[in-house]
Amino acid sequence: MMVRRAAVIIAHMLMKAGKNPDIKLIDRAALLHDICKIDSITAGGDHALMGRQLMEESGYPELGEIIGQHVVLKSLCLNEAMVVNYADKRVRDDHVVTLAQRFVDLMGRYGKDDGKKEMILSLYNQAIAEENIIRTTAGQDLLWLNNLNLIPGDYPLYGGYGFLRKD
């Protein structure tokens, strides 16, 4: 849920900066980004790829495309996939953290050999590039996302602040 909150807030920042992200698509993809995580742990495999395939087979190719890129982006093009990917990199468990904090955690959990360490460092560098693109485009300090840790529940997405509301 926290990845979803962060992604929707980033989408709104981009919208206020004159971009036109598909907020509903971002909302759904962020909510479902780890849909195959347990399957990949128990059966093995790439959970992002498995999630993409599940969404495509279920008739949701746009969702699948974003879910398939939530670990590794195809390009540094600012789009819905980048928003969800970056939001995922800013969340550890149910808290927003800095990129450095998130990647220290990832290195500790998954950096078991030199190959994996190299991949995690590569993803960290990609995340820094994403952060720079989003920050520059939105004109916002993305450390603001840490404030999401102060908000209980899901109400800001639909409540008084106007997120995802049409009125």
C-alpha atoms as a PDB file:
ATOM      1  CA  MET A   1       0.000   0.000   0.000  1.00  0.00           C
ATOM      2  CA  MET A   2       2.858   2.402   0.710  1.00  0.00           C
ATOM      3  CA  VAL A   3       4.297   1.918  -2.787  1.00  0.00           C
ATOM      4  CA  ARG A   4       0.857   2.805  -4.097  1.00  0.00           C
ATOM      5  CA  ARG A   5       0.683   5.954  -1.985  1.00  0.00           C
ATOM      6  CA  ALA A   6       4.139   7.098  -3.037  1.00  0.00           C
ATOM      7  CA  ALA A   7       3.458   6.411  -6.722  1.00  0.00           C
ATOM      8  CA  VAL A   8       0.159   8.302  -6.708  1.00  0.00           C
ATOM      9  CA  ILE A   9       1.733  11.290  -4.944  1.00  0.00           C
ATOM     10  CA  ILE A  10       4.573  11.344  -7.499  1.00  0.00           C
ATOM     11  CA  ALA A  11       2.006  11.172 -10.315  1.00  0.00           C
ATOM     12  CA  HIS A  12       0.208  14.182  -8.828  1.00  0.00           C
ATOM     13  CA  MET A  13       3.484  16.090  -8.541  1.00  0.00           C
ATOM     14  CA  LEU A  14       4.114  15.402 -12.228  1.00  0.00           C
ATOM     15  CA  MET A  15       0.574  16.405 -13.126  1.00  0.00           C
ATOM     16  CA  LYS A  16       0.996  19.738 -11.328  1.00  0.00           C
ATOM     17  CA  ALA A  17       4.196  20.223 -13.352  1.00  0.00           C
ATOM     18  CA  GLY A  18       2.224  19.900 -16.599  1.00  0.00           C
ATOM     19  CA  LYS A  19       2.775  16.219 -17.355  1.00  0.00           C
ATOM     20  CA  ASN A  20      -0.115  13.862 -18.007  1.00  0.00           C
ATOM     21  CA  PRO A  21       0.525  10.545 -16.233  1.00  0.00           C
ATOM     22  CA  ASP A  22      -2.248   7.960 -16.163  1.00  0.00           C
ATOM     23  CA  ILE A  23      -2.887   8.108 -12.425  1.00  0.00           C
ATOM     24  CA  LYS A  24      -5.362   5.235 -12.362  1.00  0.00           C
ATOM     25  CA  LEU A  25      -2.930   2.995 -14.228  1.00  0.00           C
ATOM     26  CA  ILE A  26      -0.136   3.994 -11.821  1.00  0.00           C
ATOM     27  CA  ASP A  27      -2.442   3.363  -8.853  1.00  0.00           C
ATOM     28  CA  ARG A  28      -3.370  -0.143 -10.017  1.00  0.00           C
ATOM     29  CA  ALA A  29       0.139  -1.123 -11.121  1.00  0.00           C
ATOM     30  CA  ALA A  30       1.664   0.072  -7.845  1.00  0.00           C
ATOM     31  CA  LEU A  31      -0.943  -1.867  -5.904  1.00  0.00           C
ATOM     32  CA  LEU A  32      -0.296  -5.048  -7.906  1.00  0.00           C
ATOM     33  CA  HIS A  33       3.451  -4.736  -8.560  1.00  0.00           C
ATOM     34  CA  ASP A  34       4.397  -7.670  -6.282  1.00  0.00           C
ATOM     35  CA  ILE A  35       1.432  -9.875  -7.204  1.00  0.00           C
ATOM     36  CA  CYS A  36       3.710 -12.849  -7.965  1.00  0.00           C
ATOM     37  CA  LYS A  37       6.324 -12.282  -5.269  1.00  0.00           C
ATOM     38  CA  ILE A  38       5.259 -15.271  -3.133  1.00  0.00           C
ATOM     39  CA  ASP A  39       5.062 -17.507  -6.208  1.00  0.00           C
ATOM     40  CA  SER A  40       8.610 -16.559  -7.167  1.00  0.00           C
ATOM     41  CA  ILE A  41       9.856 -17.301  -3.655  1.00  0.00           C
ATOM     42  CA  THR A  42       8.189 -20.702  -3.466  1.00  0.00           C
ATOM     43  CA  ALA A  43       8.571 -21.846  -7.084  1.00  0.00           C
ATOM     44  CA  GLY A  44      11.514 -19.707  -8.187  1.00  0.00           C
ATOM     45  CA  GLY A  45      11.603 -17.217 -11.018  1.00  0.00           C
ATOM     46  CA  ASP A  46      11.471 -13.505 -11.684  1.00  0.00           C
ATOM     47  CA  HIS A  47       8.427 -12.077  -9.890  1.00  0.00           C
ATOM     48  CA  ALA A  48       8.298  -8.996 -12.140  1.00  0.00           C
ATOM     49  CA  LEU A  49       8.234 -11.166 -15.277  1.00  0.00           C
ATOM     50  CA  MET A  50       5.714 -13.534 -13.699  1.00  0.00           C
ATOM     51  CA  GLY A  51       3.496 -10.562 -12.748  1.00  0.00           C
ATOM     52  CA  ARG A  52       3.712  -9.160 -16.274  1.00  0.00           C
ATOM     53  CA  GLN A  53       2.723 -12.518 -17.768  1.00  0.00           C
ATOM     54  CA  LEU A  54      -0.190 -12.920 -15.325  1.00  0.00           C
ATOM     55  CA  MET A  55      -1.555  -9.467 -16.159  1.00  0.00           C
ATOM     56  CA  GLU A  56      -1.175 -10.030 -19.908  1.00  0.00           C
ATOM     57  CA  GLU A  57      -2.906 -13.427 -19.704  1.00  0.00           C
ATOM     58  CA  SER A  58      -5.690 -11.793 -17.683  1.00  0.00           C
ATOM     59  CA  GLY A  59      -6.260  -9.156 -20.367  1.00  0.00           C
ATOM     60  CA  TYR A  60      -4.363  -6.234 -18.794  1.00  0.00           C
ATOM     61  CA  PRO A  61      -1.284  -5.713 -20.958  1.00  0.00           C
ATOM     62  CA  GLU A  62      -0.727  -2.089 -19.866  1.00  0.00           C
ATOM     63  CA  LEU A  63      -0.615  -3.175 -16.219  1.00  0.00           C
ATOM     64  CA  GLY A  64       1.643  -6.051 -17.183  1.00  0.00           C
ATOM     65  CA  GLU A  65       4.089  -3.754 -18.932  1.00  0.00           C
ATOM     66  CA  ILE A  66       4.488  -1.598 -15.819  1.00  0.00           C
ATOM     67  CA  ILE A  67       4.624  -4.521 -13.390  1.00  0.00           C
ATOM     68  CA  GLY A  68       7.242  -6.157 -15.597  1.00  0.00           C
ATOM     69  CA  GLN A  69       9.459  -3.086 -15.189  1.00  0.00           C
ATOM     70  CA  HIS A  70       9.078  -2.472 -11.462  1.00  0.00           C
ATOM     71  CA  VAL A  71      12.483  -4.055 -10.747  1.00  0.00           C
ATOM     72  CA  VAL A  72      14.437  -3.041 -13.864  1.00  0.00           C
ATOM     73  CA  LEU A  73      13.305  -0.320 -16.271  1.00  0.00           C
ATOM     74  CA  LYS A  74      13.642  -0.770 -20.018  1.00  0.00           C
ATOM     75  CA  SER A  75      14.693   2.871 -20.391  1.00  0.00           C
ATOM     76  CA  LEU A  76      15.021   6.107 -18.450  1.00  0.00           C
ATOM     77  CA  CYS A  77      11.927   7.526 -20.130  1.00  0.00           C
ATOM     78  CA  LEU A  78       9.645   9.335 -17.676  1.00  0.00           C
ATOM     79  CA  ASN A  79       6.431   7.334 -17.828  1.00  0.00           C
ATOM     80  CA  GLU A  80       4.113   5.310 -15.591  1.00  0.00           C
ATOM     81  CA  ALA A  81       6.622   2.452 -15.347  1.00  0.00           C
ATOM     82  CA  MET A  82       9.293   4.814 -14.014  1.00  0.00           C
ATOM     83  CA  VAL A  83       6.907   6.229 -11.412  1.00  0.00           C
ATOM     84  CA  VAL A  84       6.034   2.770 -10.064  1.00  0.00           C
ATOM     85  CA  ASN A  85       9.646   1.574 -10.259  1.00  0.00           C
ATOM     86  CA  TYR A  86      10.915   4.604  -8.346  1.00  0.00           C
ATOM     87  CA  ALA A  87       8.139   4.421  -5.730  1.00  0.00           C
ATOM     88  CA  ASP A  88       9.013   0.768  -5.154  1.00  0.00           C
ATOM     89  CA  LYS A  89      12.662   1.729  -4.627  1.00  0.00           C
ATOM     90  CA  ARG A  90      11.662   4.290  -1.984  1.00  0.00           C
ATOM     91  CA  VAL A  91       9.644   1.855   0.173  1.00  0.00           C
ATOM     92  CA  ARG A  92      10.998  -0.753   2.583  1.00  0.00           C
ATOM     93  CA  ASP A  93       8.260  -2.900   4.096  1.00  0.00           C
ATOM     94  CA  ASP A  94       5.596  -0.279   4.885  1.00  0.00           C
ATOM     95  CA  HIS A  95       7.782   2.835   5.269  1.00  0.00           C
ATOM     96  CA  VAL A  96       9.182   5.364   2.846  1.00  0.00           C
ATOM     97  CA  VAL A  97      12.981   5.504   3.122  1.00  0.00           C
ATOM     98  CA  THR A  98      15.795   7.126   1.167  1.00  0.00           C
ATOM     99  CA  LEU A  99      17.322   5.327  -1.789  1.00  0.00           C
ATOM    100  CA  ALA A 100      20.493   4.755   0.229  1.00  0.00           C
ATOM    101  CA  GLN A 101      18.547   3.147   3.087  1.00  0.00           C
ATOM    102  CA  ARG A 102      16.599   0.936   0.676  1.00  0.00           C
ATOM    103  CA  PHE A 103      19.645  -0.261  -1.185  1.00  0.00           C
ATOM    104  CA  VAL A 104      21.659  -0.947   1.964  1.00  0.00           C
ATOM    105  CA  ASP A 105      18.758  -3.207   2.967  1.00  0.00           C
ATOM    106  CA  LEU A 106      18.662  -4.862  -0.479  1.00  0.00           C
ATOM    107  CA  MET A 107      22.417  -5.414  -0.414  1.00  0.00           C
ATOM    108  CA  GLY A 108      22.158  -7.052   3.008  1.00  0.00           C
ATOM    109  CA  ARG A 109      19.327  -9.353   1.967  1.00  0.00           C
ATOM    110  CA  TYR A 110      20.241 -10.225  -1.603  1.00  0.00           C
ATOM    111  CA  GLY A 111      23.927  -9.328  -2.109  1.00  0.00           C
ATOM    112  CA  LYS A 112      25.153 -12.874  -1.569  1.00  0.00           C
ATOM    113  CA  ASP A 113      27.771 -12.937  -4.330  1.00  0.00           C
ATOM    114  CA  ASP A 114      29.677 -10.481  -6.503  1.00  0.00           C
ATOM    115  CA  GLY A 115      27.207 -10.788  -9.380  1.00  0.00           C
ATOM    116  CA  LYS A 116      24.232  -9.925  -7.206  1.00  0.00           C
ATOM    117  CA  LYS A 117      26.143  -7.070  -5.537  1.00  0.00           C
ATOM    118  CA  GLU A 118      26.996  -5.664  -8.954  1.00  0.00           C
ATOM    119  CA  MET A 119      23.360  -5.876 -10.061  1.00  0.00           C
ATOM    120  CA  ILE A 120      22.138  -4.126  -6.888  1.00  0.00           C
ATOM    121  CA  LEU A 121      24.690  -1.327  -7.400  1.00  0.00           C
ATOM    122  CA  SER A 122      23.550  -0.997 -11.013  1.00  0.00           C
ATOM    123  CA  LEU A 123      19.915  -0.734  -9.887  1.00  0.00           C
ATOM    124  CA  TYR A 124      20.946   1.860  -7.278  1.00  0.00           C
ATOM    125  CA  ASN A 125      22.582   3.982  -9.977  1.00  0.00           C
ATOM    126  CA  GLN A 126      19.456   3.624 -12.118  1.00  0.00           C
ATOM    127  CA  ALA A 127      17.279   4.691  -9.172  1.00  0.00           C
ATOM    128  CA  ILE A 128      19.437   7.784  -8.609  1.00  0.00           C
ATOM    129  CA  ALA A 129      19.005   8.689 -12.284  1.00  0.00           C
ATOM    130  CA  GLU A 130      15.230   8.164 -11.977  1.00  0.00           C
ATOM    131  CA  GLU A 131      15.111  10.340  -8.881  1.00  0.00           C
ATOM    132  CA  ASN A 132      16.943  13.136 -10.706  1.00  0.00           C
ATOM    133  CA  ILE A 133      14.576  12.925 -13.680  1.00  0.00           C
ATOM    134  CA  ILE A 134      11.440  12.916 -11.525  1.00  0.00           C
ATOM    135  CA  ARG A 135      12.713  15.667  -9.185  1.00  0.00           C
ATOM    136  CA  THR A 136      13.751  17.919 -12.062  1.00  0.00           C
ATOM    137  CA  THR A 137      10.512  17.375 -13.983  1.00  0.00           C
ATOM    138  CA  ALA A 138       8.224  17.739 -10.960  1.00  0.00           C
ATOM    139  CA  GLY A 139      10.213  20.594  -9.450  1.00  0.00           C
ATOM    140  CA  GLN A 140       9.777  18.969  -6.044  1.00  0.00           C
ATOM    141  CA  ASP A 141      12.128  17.623  -3.389  1.00  0.00           C
ATOM    142  CA  LEU A 142      11.320  13.913  -3.330  1.00  0.00           C
ATOM    143  CA  LEU A 143      12.384  13.641   0.316  1.00  0.00           C
ATOM    144  CA  TRP A 144       8.871  14.992   0.861  1.00  0.00           C
ATOM    145  CA  LEU A 145       7.669  11.426   0.303  1.00  0.00           C
ATOM    146  CA  ASN A 146       9.003  10.594   3.783  1.00  0.00           C
ATOM    147  CA  ASN A 147       5.988  12.509   5.118  1.00  0.00           C
ATOM    148  CA  LEU A 148       3.808   9.622   3.976  1.00  0.00           C
ATOM    149  CA  ASN A 149       5.109   7.740   7.024  1.00  0.00           C
ATOM    150  CA  LEU A 150       3.042  10.131   9.161  1.00  0.00           C
ATOM    151  CA  ILE A 151      -0.275   9.367   7.444  1.00  0.00           C
ATOM    152  CA  PRO A 152      -2.197   6.369   8.756  1.00  0.00           C
ATOM    153  CA  GLY A 153      -4.461   4.430   6.419  1.00  0.00           C
ATOM    154  CA  ASP A 154      -5.304   5.165   2.805  1.00  0.00           C
ATOM    155  CA  TYR A 155      -7.502   8.244   3.123  1.00  0.00           C
ATOM    156  CA  PRO A 156      -5.235  10.807   1.443  1.00  0.00           C
ATOM    157  CA  LEU A 157      -5.631   9.044  -1.893  1.00  0.00           C
ATOM    158  CA  TYR A 158      -9.340   9.760  -1.993  1.00  0.00           C
ATOM    159  CA  GLY A 159      -9.957  12.203   0.834  1.00  0.00           C
ATOM    160  CA  GLY A 160      -9.624  15.854   1.659  1.00  0.00           C
ATOM    161  CA  TYR A 161      -6.448  16.559  -0.281  1.00  0.00           C
ATOM    162  CA  GLY A 162      -8.133  15.825  -3.604  1.00  0.00           C
ATOM    163  CA  PHE A 163      -5.965  12.969  -4.828  1.00  0.00           C
ATOM    164  CA  LEU A 164      -7.782  10.836  -7.401  1.00  0.00           C
ATOM    165  CA  ARG A 165     -10.889  12.990  -7.128  1.00  0.00           C
ATOM    166  CA  LYS A 166     -12.584  14.415 -10.188  1.00  0.00           C
ATOM    167  CA  ASP A 167     -14.176  17.445  -8.513  1.00  0.00           C
END
